[in-house]
């Protein structure tokens, strides 16, 4: 077995943390067949054209395009979706048709954007694979309902690989009503509504794009933006929130609905940080959170304060103890290693 690399794991610009972590673990277990580099972009049109010319004339990119036209005897692991360029993406689609391929799914774009006509096209591509690795049984069920017939393995949770374990120094994670939310703040449509979520909650926000309407709110604090390997050591508060969409009452919209099927990498970040979790009751990860007793679920963000009022220090300590057990697994890549072990059986 071999894998197609993306030059994420060992570059200064790590790109997607989830993809980079999987590539690290793949590199420990298998040989890299060849690498494909993502095409750089610039906002300046002239510089962008020059970069594309340079990209397509570089030897390694010409080589990877050539390799994608070949047929190999080894089974090859690919991370999906493909975010390269039209040529490489097209060649990768053909590569799946002509080789024995295992697809490691990060996202199903048609589920994320509610396009069921496109979903059939994605499933048609996935059905060419030998094995498809998906997030959870909810994602598996809807894909199979719409025609997926390839063998499916469930990942369970994305890992969050770190060199060392974030410790609870200076009581960084503590019982109370400090709610953490980390991510692209500009894309989180519900954030401007947080002023209606109750003044007895404190919100610690991490990431780029802090909404201007929240900057002067006393109980809403922007704590800065950090790189993916730094932020697990920076999060401070009582619970990490996994929520999406443009409403506090439920997870609405394309991204809100997608929570019914996917395992957000945000959950892995919170577990790596050691902080208990809150999410929407209808989210796919709600089952994981409840089964592992690492937090609680809500129908609405407006319920968070009253539910915390029913929790005592003993229960919160149990959340933290269970989180710490998962933390060891996640920062060591345990879920990915488990899936790779199943592939070898």
C-alpha atoms as a PDB file:
ATOM      1  CA  UNK A   1       0.000   0.000   0.000  1.00  0.00           C
ATOM      2  CA  UNK A   2       1.196   3.526  -0.838  1.00  0.00           C
ATOM      3  CA  UNK A   3      -0.221   7.035  -0.710  1.00  0.00           C
ATOM      4  CA  UNK A   4      -0.282  10.191  -2.798  1.00  0.00           C
ATOM      5  CA  UNK A   5       1.224  13.053  -0.803  1.00  0.00           C
ATOM      6  CA  UNK A   6       0.135  16.683  -0.812  1.00  0.00           C
ATOM      7  CA  UNK A   7       3.291  18.327   0.596  1.00  0.00           C
ATOM      8  CA  UNK A   8       1.287  19.531   3.590  1.00  0.00           C
ATOM      9  CA  UNK A   9       2.794  17.626   6.490  1.00  0.00           C
ATOM     10  CA  UNK A  10       6.354  18.791   6.093  1.00  0.00           C
ATOM     11  CA  UNK A  11       5.966  22.294   4.666  1.00  0.00           C
ATOM     12  CA  UNK A  12       6.130  25.571   6.586  1.00  0.00           C
ATOM     13  CA  UNK A  13       2.634  26.392   5.366  1.00  0.00           C
ATOM     14  CA  UNK A  14       0.835  23.390   6.844  1.00  0.00           C
ATOM     15  CA  UNK A  15      -2.387  24.027   4.943  1.00  0.00           C
ATOM     16  CA  UNK A  16      -5.259  21.979   6.313  1.00  0.00           C
ATOM     17  CA  UNK A  17      -4.379  20.618   9.743  1.00  0.00           C
ATOM     18  CA  UNK A  18      -6.562  17.510   9.298  1.00  0.00           C
ATOM     19  CA  UNK A  19      -5.024  16.595   5.931  1.00  0.00           C
ATOM     20  CA  UNK A  20      -1.505  17.327   7.167  1.00  0.00           C
ATOM     21  CA  UNK A  21      -1.973  15.098  10.242  1.00  0.00           C
ATOM     22  CA  UNK A  22      -3.213  12.199   8.141  1.00  0.00           C
ATOM     23  CA  UNK A  23      -0.257  12.618   5.798  1.00  0.00           C
ATOM     24  CA  UNK A  24       2.134  12.450   8.778  1.00  0.00           C
ATOM     25  CA  UNK A  25       0.640   9.115   9.862  1.00  0.00           C
ATOM     26  CA  UNK A  26       0.517   7.776   6.299  1.00  0.00           C
ATOM     27  CA  UNK A  27       4.212   8.661   5.945  1.00  0.00           C
ATOM     28  CA  UNK A  28       5.016   6.639   9.080  1.00  0.00           C
ATOM     29  CA  UNK A  29       3.297   3.552   7.670  1.00  0.00           C
ATOM     30  CA  UNK A  30       3.629   3.619   3.887  1.00  0.00           C
ATOM     31  CA  UNK A  31       5.800   4.876   1.048  1.00  0.00           C
ATOM     32  CA  UNK A  32       4.754   7.997  -0.796  1.00  0.00           C
ATOM     33  CA  UNK A  33       4.012   7.207  -4.456  1.00  0.00           C
ATOM     34  CA  UNK A  34       4.521  10.851  -5.460  1.00  0.00           C
ATOM     35  CA  UNK A  35       3.541  14.331  -4.265  1.00  0.00           C
ATOM     36  CA  UNK A  36       1.086  16.813  -5.717  1.00  0.00           C
ATOM     37  CA  UNK A  37       1.588  20.441  -4.761  1.00  0.00           C
ATOM     38  CA  UNK A  38      -1.359  22.790  -4.417  1.00  0.00           C
ATOM     39  CA  UNK A  39      -1.312  25.643  -6.899  1.00  0.00           C
ATOM     40  CA  UNK A  40      -0.385  28.981  -5.237  1.00  0.00           C
ATOM     41  CA  UNK A  41      -2.584  32.024  -5.804  1.00  0.00           C
ATOM     42  CA  UNK A  42      -2.267  35.788  -5.444  1.00  0.00           C
ATOM     43  CA  UNK A  43      -4.896  38.510  -5.511  1.00  0.00           C
ATOM     44  CA  UNK A  44      -2.828  40.490  -8.028  1.00  0.00           C
ATOM     45  CA  UNK A  45      -3.894  39.194 -11.485  1.00  0.00           C
ATOM     46  CA  UNK A  46      -0.485  39.528 -13.147  1.00  0.00           C
ATOM     47  CA  UNK A  47       1.349  37.862 -10.241  1.00  0.00           C
ATOM     48  CA  UNK A  48      -1.306  35.138 -10.220  1.00  0.00           C
ATOM     49  CA  UNK A  49      -0.746  34.384 -13.926  1.00  0.00           C
ATOM     50  CA  UNK A  50       3.037  34.293 -13.439  1.00  0.00           C
ATOM     51  CA  UNK A  51       2.652  31.929 -10.462  1.00  0.00           C
ATOM     52  CA  UNK A  52       0.456  29.582 -12.502  1.00  0.00           C
ATOM     53  CA  UNK A  53       2.972  29.535 -15.356  1.00  0.00           C
ATOM     54  CA  UNK A  54       5.752  28.745 -12.885  1.00  0.00           C
ATOM     55  CA  UNK A  55       3.617  26.064 -11.226  1.00  0.00           C
ATOM     56  CA  UNK A  56       2.813  24.221 -14.443  1.00  0.00           C
ATOM     57  CA  UNK A  57       6.425  24.299 -15.643  1.00  0.00           C
ATOM     58  CA  UNK A  58       8.022  23.018 -12.432  1.00  0.00           C
ATOM     59  CA  UNK A  59       9.475  19.532 -12.783  1.00  0.00           C
ATOM     60  CA  UNK A  60       7.679  18.022  -9.775  1.00  0.00           C
ATOM     61  CA  UNK A  61       4.277  19.174 -11.050  1.00  0.00           C
ATOM     62  CA  UNK A  62       4.964  17.897 -14.551  1.00  0.00           C
ATOM     63  CA  UNK A  63       6.105  14.632 -12.964  1.00  0.00           C
ATOM     64  CA  UNK A  64       2.989  14.279 -10.772  1.00  0.00           C
ATOM     65  CA  UNK A  65       0.737  14.887 -13.791  1.00  0.00           C
ATOM     66  CA  UNK A  66       2.667  12.199 -15.659  1.00  0.00           C
ATOM     67  CA  UNK A  67       2.453   9.754 -12.735  1.00  0.00           C
ATOM     68  CA  UNK A  68      -1.315  10.213 -12.496  1.00  0.00           C
ATOM     69  CA  UNK A  69      -1.631   8.786 -16.004  1.00  0.00           C
ATOM     70  CA  UNK A  70       0.019   5.504 -14.991  1.00  0.00           C
ATOM     71  CA  UNK A  71      -1.472   2.290 -13.615  1.00  0.00           C
ATOM     72  CA  UNK A  72       0.085   0.936 -10.415  1.00  0.00           C
ATOM     73  CA  UNK A  73       0.057  -2.528  -8.852  1.00  0.00           C
ATOM     74  CA  UNK A  74      -0.128  -1.166  -5.280  1.00  0.00           C
ATOM     75  CA  UNK A  75      -3.311   0.001  -3.599  1.00  0.00           C
ATOM     76  CA  UNK A  76      -3.079   3.791  -3.230  1.00  0.00           C
ATOM     77  CA  UNK A  77      -4.569   6.016  -0.510  1.00  0.00           C
ATOM     78  CA  UNK A  78      -5.932   9.415  -1.600  1.00  0.00           C
ATOM     79  CA  UNK A  79      -7.316  12.220   0.547  1.00  0.00           C
ATOM     80  CA  UNK A  80     -10.601  13.620  -0.804  1.00  0.00           C
ATOM     81  CA  UNK A  81     -11.887  16.135  -2.000  1.00  0.00           C
ATOM     82  CA  UNK A  82      -9.136  17.211  -4.397  1.00  0.00           C
ATOM     83  CA  UNK A  83      -8.175  20.877  -4.068  1.00  0.00           C
ATOM     84  CA  UNK A  84      -5.448  21.251  -6.667  1.00  0.00           C
ATOM     85  CA  UNK A  85      -6.106  22.558 -10.183  1.00  0.00           C
ATOM     86  CA  UNK A  86      -8.372  21.478 -13.014  1.00  0.00           C
ATOM     87  CA  UNK A  87      -5.736  19.334 -14.695  1.00  0.00           C
ATOM     88  CA  UNK A  88      -4.640  17.443 -11.587  1.00  0.00           C
ATOM     89  CA  UNK A  89      -8.228  17.106 -10.323  1.00  0.00           C
ATOM     90  CA  UNK A  90      -9.299  15.626 -13.663  1.00  0.00           C
ATOM     91  CA  UNK A  91      -6.313  13.269 -13.679  1.00  0.00           C
ATOM     92  CA  UNK A  92      -7.098  12.173 -10.114  1.00  0.00           C
ATOM     93  CA  UNK A  93     -10.650  11.265 -11.128  1.00  0.00           C
ATOM     94  CA  UNK A  94      -9.225   9.070 -13.913  1.00  0.00           C
ATOM     95  CA  UNK A  95      -6.591   7.689 -11.526  1.00  0.00           C
ATOM     96  CA  UNK A  96      -9.381   6.309  -9.308  1.00  0.00           C
ATOM     97  CA  UNK A  97     -10.974   4.605 -12.307  1.00  0.00           C
ATOM     98  CA  UNK A  98      -7.738   2.888 -13.333  1.00  0.00           C
ATOM     99  CA  UNK A  99      -6.182   1.949  -9.983  1.00  0.00           C
ATOM    100  CA  UNK A 100      -7.002   0.217  -6.707  1.00  0.00           C
ATOM    101  CA  UNK A 101      -7.713   3.239  -4.507  1.00  0.00           C
ATOM    102  CA  UNK A 102      -8.714   3.903  -0.897  1.00  0.00           C
ATOM    103  CA  UNK A 103     -10.399   7.291  -0.473  1.00  0.00           C
ATOM    104  CA  UNK A 104     -10.001   9.120   2.851  1.00  0.00           C
ATOM    105  CA  UNK A 105     -12.961  11.525   2.971  1.00  0.00           C
ATOM    106  CA  UNK A 106     -12.609  14.942   4.597  1.00  0.00           C
ATOM    107  CA  UNK A 107     -15.767  16.463   3.136  1.00  0.00           C
ATOM    108  CA  UNK A 108     -18.647  15.556   0.860  1.00  0.00           C
ATOM    109  CA  UNK A 109     -19.150  18.910  -0.845  1.00  0.00           C
ATOM    110  CA  UNK A 110     -22.581  18.029  -2.223  1.00  0.00           C
ATOM    111  CA  UNK A 111     -23.849  17.271   1.314  1.00  0.00           C
ATOM    112  CA  UNK A 112     -22.296  20.483   2.530  1.00  0.00           C
ATOM    113  CA  UNK A 113     -24.163  22.463  -0.128  1.00  0.00           C
ATOM    114  CA  UNK A 114     -27.392  20.442  -0.331  1.00  0.00           C
ATOM    115  CA  UNK A 115     -26.991  19.513  -3.997  1.00  0.00           C
ATOM    116  CA  UNK A 116     -28.440  16.031  -4.303  1.00  0.00           C
ATOM    117  CA  UNK A 117     -27.965  15.968  -8.097  1.00  0.00           C
ATOM    118  CA  UNK A 118     -24.269  16.602  -7.506  1.00  0.00           C
ATOM    119  CA  UNK A 119     -24.331  14.065  -4.663  1.00  0.00           C
ATOM    120  CA  UNK A 120     -25.061  11.329  -7.178  1.00  0.00           C
ATOM    121  CA  UNK A 121     -21.997  12.450  -9.166  1.00  0.00           C
ATOM    122  CA  UNK A 122     -19.799  12.324  -6.065  1.00  0.00           C
ATOM    123  CA  UNK A 123     -21.118   8.874  -5.156  1.00  0.00           C
ATOM    124  CA  UNK A 124     -20.419   7.668  -8.696  1.00  0.00           C
ATOM    125  CA  UNK A 125     -16.777   8.676  -8.206  1.00  0.00           C
ATOM    126  CA  UNK A 126     -16.570   7.161  -4.691  1.00  0.00           C
ATOM    127  CA  UNK A 127     -17.983   3.879  -6.003  1.00  0.00           C
ATOM    128  CA  UNK A 128     -14.873   3.459  -8.146  1.00  0.00           C
ATOM    129  CA  UNK A 129     -12.798   3.133  -4.953  1.00  0.00           C
ATOM    130  CA  UNK A 130     -11.885  -0.106  -3.231  1.00  0.00           C
ATOM    131  CA  UNK A 131     -12.661   1.369   0.208  1.00  0.00           C
ATOM    132  CA  UNK A 132     -14.121   4.712   1.306  1.00  0.00           C
ATOM    133  CA  UNK A 133     -13.248   6.055   4.778  1.00  0.00           C
ATOM    134  CA  UNK A 134     -16.039   8.351   6.054  1.00  0.00           C
ATOM    135  CA  UNK A 135     -16.549  10.325   9.268  1.00  0.00           C
ATOM    136  CA  UNK A 136     -19.325   8.361  10.996  1.00  0.00           C
ATOM    137  CA  UNK A 137     -22.374   6.143  10.449  1.00  0.00           C
ATOM    138  CA  UNK A 138     -24.607   9.147   9.667  1.00  0.00           C
ATOM    139  CA  UNK A 139     -22.426  10.049   6.705  1.00  0.00           C
ATOM    140  CA  UNK A 140     -22.235   6.379   5.721  1.00  0.00           C
ATOM    141  CA  UNK A 141     -26.017   5.966   5.884  1.00  0.00           C
ATOM    142  CA  UNK A 142     -26.907   8.932   3.676  1.00  0.00           C
ATOM    143  CA  UNK A 143     -24.251   8.017   1.106  1.00  0.00           C
ATOM    144  CA  UNK A 144     -25.445   4.411   0.987  1.00  0.00           C
ATOM    145  CA  UNK A 145     -29.056   5.627   0.741  1.00  0.00           C
ATOM    146  CA  UNK A 146     -28.083   7.540  -2.395  1.00  0.00           C
ATOM    147  CA  UNK A 147     -26.219   4.669  -4.006  1.00  0.00           C
ATOM    148  CA  UNK A 148     -22.786   4.169  -2.423  1.00  0.00           C
ATOM    149  CA  UNK A 149     -21.863   0.495  -2.839  1.00  0.00           C
ATOM    150  CA  UNK A 150     -18.107   0.577  -2.135  1.00  0.00           C
ATOM    151  CA  UNK A 151     -16.863  -0.860   1.159  1.00  0.00           C
ATOM    152  CA  UNK A 152     -17.078   1.780   3.901  1.00  0.00           C
ATOM    153  CA  UNK A 153     -14.999   2.222   7.070  1.00  0.00           C
ATOM    154  CA  UNK A 154     -15.962   4.799   9.708  1.00  0.00           C
ATOM    155  CA  UNK A 155     -13.173   6.988  11.107  1.00  0.00           C
ATOM    156  CA  UNK A 156     -15.026   7.976  14.278  1.00  0.00           C
ATOM    157  CA  UNK A 157     -13.087  11.199  14.888  1.00  0.00           C
ATOM    158  CA  UNK A 158     -10.389  13.234  13.202  1.00  0.00           C
ATOM    159  CA  UNK A 159      -7.120  13.325  15.084  1.00  0.00           C
ATOM    160  CA  UNK A 160      -5.271  16.496  16.113  1.00  0.00           C
ATOM    161  CA  UNK A 161      -1.606  15.517  16.148  1.00  0.00           C
ATOM    162  CA  UNK A 162       0.656  17.442  18.534  1.00  0.00           C
ATOM    163  CA  UNK A 163       4.220  16.969  19.777  1.00  0.00           C
ATOM    164  CA  UNK A 164       3.133  17.395  23.391  1.00  0.00           C
ATOM    165  CA  UNK A 165      -0.042  17.332  25.447  1.00  0.00           C
ATOM    166  CA  UNK A 166      -1.623  20.691  26.377  1.00  0.00           C
ATOM    167  CA  UNK A 167      -1.795  20.804  30.169  1.00  0.00           C
ATOM    168  CA  UNK A 168      -4.276  22.663  32.352  1.00  0.00           C
ATOM    169  CA  UNK A 169      -1.720  25.219  33.487  1.00  0.00           C
ATOM    170  CA  UNK A 170      -3.021  28.061  35.692  1.00  0.00           C
ATOM    171  CA  UNK A 171      -6.473  26.424  35.655  1.00  0.00           C
ATOM    172  CA  UNK A 172      -6.836  27.238  31.940  1.00  0.00           C
ATOM    173  CA  UNK A 173      -9.834  24.857  31.679  1.00  0.00           C
ATOM    174  CA  UNK A 174     -12.186  25.377  34.612  1.00  0.00           C
ATOM    175  CA  UNK A 175     -15.811  24.911  35.631  1.00  0.00           C
ATOM    176  CA  UNK A 176     -17.973  27.932  34.931  1.00  0.00           C
ATOM    177  CA  UNK A 177     -19.843  29.778  32.209  1.00  0.00           C
ATOM    178  CA  UNK A 178     -16.970  30.738  29.916  1.00  0.00           C
ATOM    179  CA  UNK A 179     -17.804  29.403  26.452  1.00  0.00           C
ATOM    180  CA  UNK A 180     -15.046  29.011  23.863  1.00  0.00           C
ATOM    181  CA  UNK A 181     -15.638  29.257  20.137  1.00  0.00           C
ATOM    182  CA  UNK A 182     -12.709  28.871  17.733  1.00  0.00           C
ATOM    183  CA  UNK A 183     -12.690  29.101  13.949  1.00  0.00           C
ATOM    184  CA  UNK A 184     -13.273  31.494  11.086  1.00  0.00           C
ATOM    185  CA  UNK A 185     -15.390  34.026  12.974  1.00  0.00           C
ATOM    186  CA  UNK A 186     -16.438  35.849   9.817  1.00  0.00           C
ATOM    187  CA  UNK A 187     -18.097  32.713   8.420  1.00  0.00           C
ATOM    188  CA  UNK A 188     -19.972  31.889  11.638  1.00  0.00           C
ATOM    189  CA  UNK A 189     -23.277  33.632  10.995  1.00  0.00           C
ATOM    190  CA  UNK A 190     -24.713  33.088  14.485  1.00  0.00           C
ATOM    191  CA  UNK A 191     -21.947  35.012  16.280  1.00  0.00           C
ATOM    192  CA  UNK A 192     -23.464  38.507  15.843  1.00  0.00           C
ATOM    193  CA  UNK A 193     -26.534  37.168  17.717  1.00  0.00           C
ATOM    194  CA  UNK A 194     -24.552  36.167  20.830  1.00  0.00           C
ATOM    195  CA  UNK A 195     -25.579  39.347  22.644  1.00  0.00           C
ATOM    196  CA  UNK A 196     -29.050  37.719  22.903  1.00  0.00           C
ATOM    197  CA  UNK A 197     -27.663  34.546  24.510  1.00  0.00           C
ATOM    198  CA  UNK A 198     -27.644  35.940  28.048  1.00  0.00           C
ATOM    199  CA  UNK A 199     -25.297  38.251  29.933  1.00  0.00           C
ATOM    200  CA  UNK A 200     -24.370  35.556  32.475  1.00  0.00           C
ATOM    201  CA  UNK A 201     -22.288  33.739  29.822  1.00  0.00           C
ATOM    202  CA  UNK A 202     -18.802  34.872  28.832  1.00  0.00           C
ATOM    203  CA  UNK A 203     -17.722  34.139  25.259  1.00  0.00           C
ATOM    204  CA  UNK A 204     -14.038  33.684  24.432  1.00  0.00           C
ATOM    205  CA  UNK A 205     -13.678  33.874  20.651  1.00  0.00           C
ATOM    206  CA  UNK A 206     -10.555  32.700  18.787  1.00  0.00           C
ATOM    207  CA  UNK A 207      -9.856  33.231  15.100  1.00  0.00           C
ATOM    208  CA  UNK A 208      -9.905  35.743  12.266  1.00  0.00           C
ATOM    209  CA  UNK A 209     -12.831  37.943  11.275  1.00  0.00           C
ATOM    210  CA  UNK A 210     -14.199  39.127  14.627  1.00  0.00           C
ATOM    211  CA  UNK A 211     -17.648  40.683  13.873  1.00  0.00           C
ATOM    212  CA  UNK A 212     -17.521  44.464  14.389  1.00  0.00           C
ATOM    213  CA  UNK A 213     -20.878  44.389  16.198  1.00  0.00           C
ATOM    214  CA  UNK A 214     -19.352  42.304  19.024  1.00  0.00           C
ATOM    215  CA  UNK A 215     -16.196  44.300  19.683  1.00  0.00           C
ATOM    216  CA  UNK A 216     -17.641  46.460  22.473  1.00  0.00           C
ATOM    217  CA  UNK A 217     -19.663  43.778  24.250  1.00  0.00           C
ATOM    218  CA  UNK A 218     -18.446  43.205  27.821  1.00  0.00           C
ATOM    219  CA  UNK A 219     -19.133  39.472  27.896  1.00  0.00           C
ATOM    220  CA  UNK A 220     -17.780  38.751  24.391  1.00  0.00           C
ATOM    221  CA  UNK A 221     -13.987  38.760  24.200  1.00  0.00           C
ATOM    222  CA  UNK A 222     -11.777  38.248  21.161  1.00  0.00           C
ATOM    223  CA  UNK A 223      -8.780  36.272  22.432  1.00  0.00           C
ATOM    224  CA  UNK A 224      -6.691  36.427  19.249  1.00  0.00           C
ATOM    225  CA  UNK A 225      -5.846  34.228  16.302  1.00  0.00           C
ATOM    226  CA  UNK A 226      -3.290  31.394  16.470  1.00  0.00           C
ATOM    227  CA  UNK A 227      -1.839  28.733  14.208  1.00  0.00           C
ATOM    228  CA  UNK A 228      -3.300  25.197  14.338  1.00  0.00           C
ATOM    229  CA  UNK A 229      -0.433  23.770  16.413  1.00  0.00           C
ATOM    230  CA  UNK A 230      -0.479  26.690  18.857  1.00  0.00           C
ATOM    231  CA  UNK A 231      -4.175  27.211  19.570  1.00  0.00           C
ATOM    232  CA  UNK A 232      -4.740  24.024  21.662  1.00  0.00           C
ATOM    233  CA  UNK A 233      -2.397  25.541  24.266  1.00  0.00           C
ATOM    234  CA  UNK A 234      -4.214  28.905  24.196  1.00  0.00           C
ATOM    235  CA  UNK A 235      -7.892  28.054  24.650  1.00  0.00           C
ATOM    236  CA  UNK A 236      -9.249  29.168  28.036  1.00  0.00           C
ATOM    237  CA  UNK A 237     -12.725  28.590  29.388  1.00  0.00           C
ATOM    238  CA  UNK A 238     -15.263  26.023  30.554  1.00  0.00           C
ATOM    239  CA  UNK A 239     -16.781  24.508  27.396  1.00  0.00           C
ATOM    240  CA  UNK A 240     -15.989  24.554  23.695  1.00  0.00           C
ATOM    241  CA  UNK A 241     -18.971  25.139  21.406  1.00  0.00           C
ATOM    242  CA  UNK A 242     -19.469  23.317  18.091  1.00  0.00           C
ATOM    243  CA  UNK A 243     -22.212  25.228  16.249  1.00  0.00           C
ATOM    244  CA  UNK A 244     -22.847  26.501  12.735  1.00  0.00           C
ATOM    245  CA  UNK A 245     -25.380  28.405  10.685  1.00  0.00           C
ATOM    246  CA  UNK A 246     -27.019  31.792  11.204  1.00  0.00           C
ATOM    247  CA  UNK A 247     -29.308  31.084  14.153  1.00  0.00           C
ATOM    248  CA  UNK A 248     -29.032  30.525  17.911  1.00  0.00           C
ATOM    249  CA  UNK A 249     -32.188  28.380  17.978  1.00  0.00           C
ATOM    250  CA  UNK A 250     -30.847  25.619  15.723  1.00  0.00           C
ATOM    251  CA  UNK A 251     -28.092  24.970  13.202  1.00  0.00           C
ATOM    252  CA  UNK A 252     -29.641  26.348  10.016  1.00  0.00           C
ATOM    253  CA  UNK A 253     -28.418  26.832   6.466  1.00  0.00           C
ATOM    254  CA  UNK A 254     -26.054  24.702   4.388  1.00  0.00           C
ATOM    255  CA  UNK A 255     -23.299  24.513   6.992  1.00  0.00           C
ATOM    256  CA  UNK A 256     -25.740  24.028   9.848  1.00  0.00           C
ATOM    257  CA  UNK A 257     -27.402  21.107   8.098  1.00  0.00           C
ATOM    258  CA  UNK A 258     -23.985  19.607   7.298  1.00  0.00           C
ATOM    259  CA  UNK A 259     -23.454  19.097  11.043  1.00  0.00           C
ATOM    260  CA  UNK A 260     -25.979  16.254  10.780  1.00  0.00           C
ATOM    261  CA  UNK A 261     -23.401  14.242   8.821  1.00  0.00           C
ATOM    262  CA  UNK A 262     -19.851  15.418   9.452  1.00  0.00           C
ATOM    263  CA  UNK A 263     -17.286  15.367  12.248  1.00  0.00           C
ATOM    264  CA  UNK A 264     -16.097  18.985  12.506  1.00  0.00           C
ATOM    265  CA  UNK A 265     -12.363  19.307  13.094  1.00  0.00           C
ATOM    266  CA  UNK A 266     -13.309  21.830  15.790  1.00  0.00           C
ATOM    267  CA  UNK A 267     -14.354  18.926  18.017  1.00  0.00           C
ATOM    268  CA  UNK A 268     -10.877  17.411  17.637  1.00  0.00           C
ATOM    269  CA  UNK A 269      -9.320  20.771  18.550  1.00  0.00           C
ATOM    270  CA  UNK A 270     -11.380  20.994  21.751  1.00  0.00           C
ATOM    271  CA  UNK A 271     -10.493  17.426  22.743  1.00  0.00           C
ATOM    272  CA  UNK A 272      -6.795  18.083  22.035  1.00  0.00           C
ATOM    273  CA  UNK A 273      -7.083  21.194  24.223  1.00  0.00           C
ATOM    274  CA  UNK A 274      -8.735  19.248  27.052  1.00  0.00           C
ATOM    275  CA  UNK A 275     -11.950  21.280  27.169  1.00  0.00           C
ATOM    276  CA  UNK A 276     -15.457  19.716  27.500  1.00  0.00           C
ATOM    277  CA  UNK A 277     -17.814  20.251  24.561  1.00  0.00           C
ATOM    278  CA  UNK A 278     -21.302  21.563  23.789  1.00  0.00           C
ATOM    279  CA  UNK A 279     -23.056  20.933  20.465  1.00  0.00           C
ATOM    280  CA  UNK A 280     -26.431  20.833  18.724  1.00  0.00           C
ATOM    281  CA  UNK A 281     -28.582  17.840  19.656  1.00  0.00           C
ATOM    282  CA  UNK A 282     -29.132  16.934  15.979  1.00  0.00           C
ATOM    283  CA  UNK A 283     -25.429  17.050  15.074  1.00  0.00           C
ATOM    284  CA  UNK A 284     -23.780  13.765  14.127  1.00  0.00           C
ATOM    285  CA  UNK A 285     -21.150  14.308  16.835  1.00  0.00           C
ATOM    286  CA  UNK A 286     -23.832  14.639  19.554  1.00  0.00           C
ATOM    287  CA  UNK A 287     -23.872  10.845  19.842  1.00  0.00           C
ATOM    288  CA  UNK A 288     -20.083  10.727  20.272  1.00  0.00           C
ATOM    289  CA  UNK A 289     -20.139  13.466  22.931  1.00  0.00           C
ATOM    290  CA  UNK A 290     -22.899  11.773  24.918  1.00  0.00           C
ATOM    291  CA  UNK A 291     -21.511   8.241  24.616  1.00  0.00           C
ATOM    292  CA  UNK A 292     -18.094   9.395  25.828  1.00  0.00           C
ATOM    293  CA  UNK A 293     -19.563  11.755  28.455  1.00  0.00           C
ATOM    294  CA  UNK A 294     -17.358  14.696  27.432  1.00  0.00           C
ATOM    295  CA  UNK A 295     -19.996  17.427  27.528  1.00  0.00           C
ATOM    296  CA  UNK A 296     -23.651  18.025  26.741  1.00  0.00           C
ATOM    297  CA  UNK A 297     -26.007  18.773  23.840  1.00  0.00           C
ATOM    298  CA  UNK A 298     -28.614  21.492  23.363  1.00  0.00           C
ATOM    299  CA  UNK A 299     -31.439  22.320  20.992  1.00  0.00           C
ATOM    300  CA  UNK A 300     -30.567  26.016  21.186  1.00  0.00           C
ATOM    301  CA  UNK A 301     -27.609  28.147  22.269  1.00  0.00           C
ATOM    302  CA  UNK A 302     -30.131  29.901  24.527  1.00  0.00           C
ATOM    303  CA  UNK A 303     -30.306  26.730  26.687  1.00  0.00           C
ATOM    304  CA  UNK A 304     -26.596  26.661  27.551  1.00  0.00           C
ATOM    305  CA  UNK A 305     -26.730  28.796  30.684  1.00  0.00           C
ATOM    306  CA  UNK A 306     -29.637  26.946  32.315  1.00  0.00           C
ATOM    307  CA  UNK A 307     -28.068  23.530  31.599  1.00  0.00           C
ATOM    308  CA  UNK A 308     -24.747  24.588  33.143  1.00  0.00           C
ATOM    309  CA  UNK A 309     -26.776  25.538  36.242  1.00  0.00           C
ATOM    310  CA  UNK A 310     -27.707  21.844  36.596  1.00  0.00           C
ATOM    311  CA  UNK A 311     -24.064  20.693  36.464  1.00  0.00           C
ATOM    312  CA  UNK A 312     -21.867  20.488  39.562  1.00  0.00           C
ATOM    313  CA  UNK A 313     -18.081  20.249  39.998  1.00  0.00           C
ATOM    314  CA  UNK A 314     -18.235  16.441  40.222  1.00  0.00           C
ATOM    315  CA  UNK A 315     -19.975  16.098  36.870  1.00  0.00           C
ATOM    316  CA  UNK A 316     -17.650  18.626  35.258  1.00  0.00           C
ATOM    317  CA  UNK A 317     -14.634  16.724  36.605  1.00  0.00           C
ATOM    318  CA  UNK A 318     -16.012  13.571  34.958  1.00  0.00           C
ATOM    319  CA  UNK A 319     -16.230  15.438  31.638  1.00  0.00           C
ATOM    320  CA  UNK A 320     -12.606  16.508  31.996  1.00  0.00           C
ATOM    321  CA  UNK A 321     -11.409  13.031  32.980  1.00  0.00           C
ATOM    322  CA  UNK A 322     -13.068  11.507  29.914  1.00  0.00           C
ATOM    323  CA  UNK A 323     -11.716  14.277  27.676  1.00  0.00           C
ATOM    324  CA  UNK A 324      -8.182  13.595  28.925  1.00  0.00           C
ATOM    325  CA  UNK A 325      -8.469   9.922  27.989  1.00  0.00           C
ATOM    326  CA  UNK A 326      -9.514  10.870  24.450  1.00  0.00           C
ATOM    327  CA  UNK A 327      -6.912  13.631  24.348  1.00  0.00           C
ATOM    328  CA  UNK A 328      -4.073  11.118  24.498  1.00  0.00           C
ATOM    329  CA  UNK A 329      -5.536   9.215  21.538  1.00  0.00           C
ATOM    330  CA  UNK A 330      -6.260  12.276  19.405  1.00  0.00           C
ATOM    331  CA  UNK A 331      -2.869  13.980  19.746  1.00  0.00           C
ATOM    332  CA  UNK A 332      -1.118  10.678  18.942  1.00  0.00           C
ATOM    333  CA  UNK A 333      -3.203  10.046  15.794  1.00  0.00           C
ATOM    334  CA  UNK A 334      -4.975   7.063  17.348  1.00  0.00           C
ATOM    335  CA  UNK A 335      -8.179   7.200  15.282  1.00  0.00           C
ATOM    336  CA  UNK A 336      -6.269   7.338  11.994  1.00  0.00           C
ATOM    337  CA  UNK A 337      -3.943   4.544  13.115  1.00  0.00           C
ATOM    338  CA  UNK A 338      -6.963   2.399  14.006  1.00  0.00           C
ATOM    339  CA  UNK A 339      -8.432   2.858  10.510  1.00  0.00           C
ATOM    340  CA  UNK A 340      -5.082   2.025   8.877  1.00  0.00           C
ATOM    341  CA  UNK A 341      -4.940  -1.143  11.004  1.00  0.00           C
ATOM    342  CA  UNK A 342      -8.368  -2.156   9.646  1.00  0.00           C
ATOM    343  CA  UNK A 343      -7.065  -1.645   6.105  1.00  0.00           C
ATOM    344  CA  UNK A 344      -4.265  -4.134   6.750  1.00  0.00           C
ATOM    345  CA  UNK A 345      -6.566  -6.895   8.003  1.00  0.00           C
END
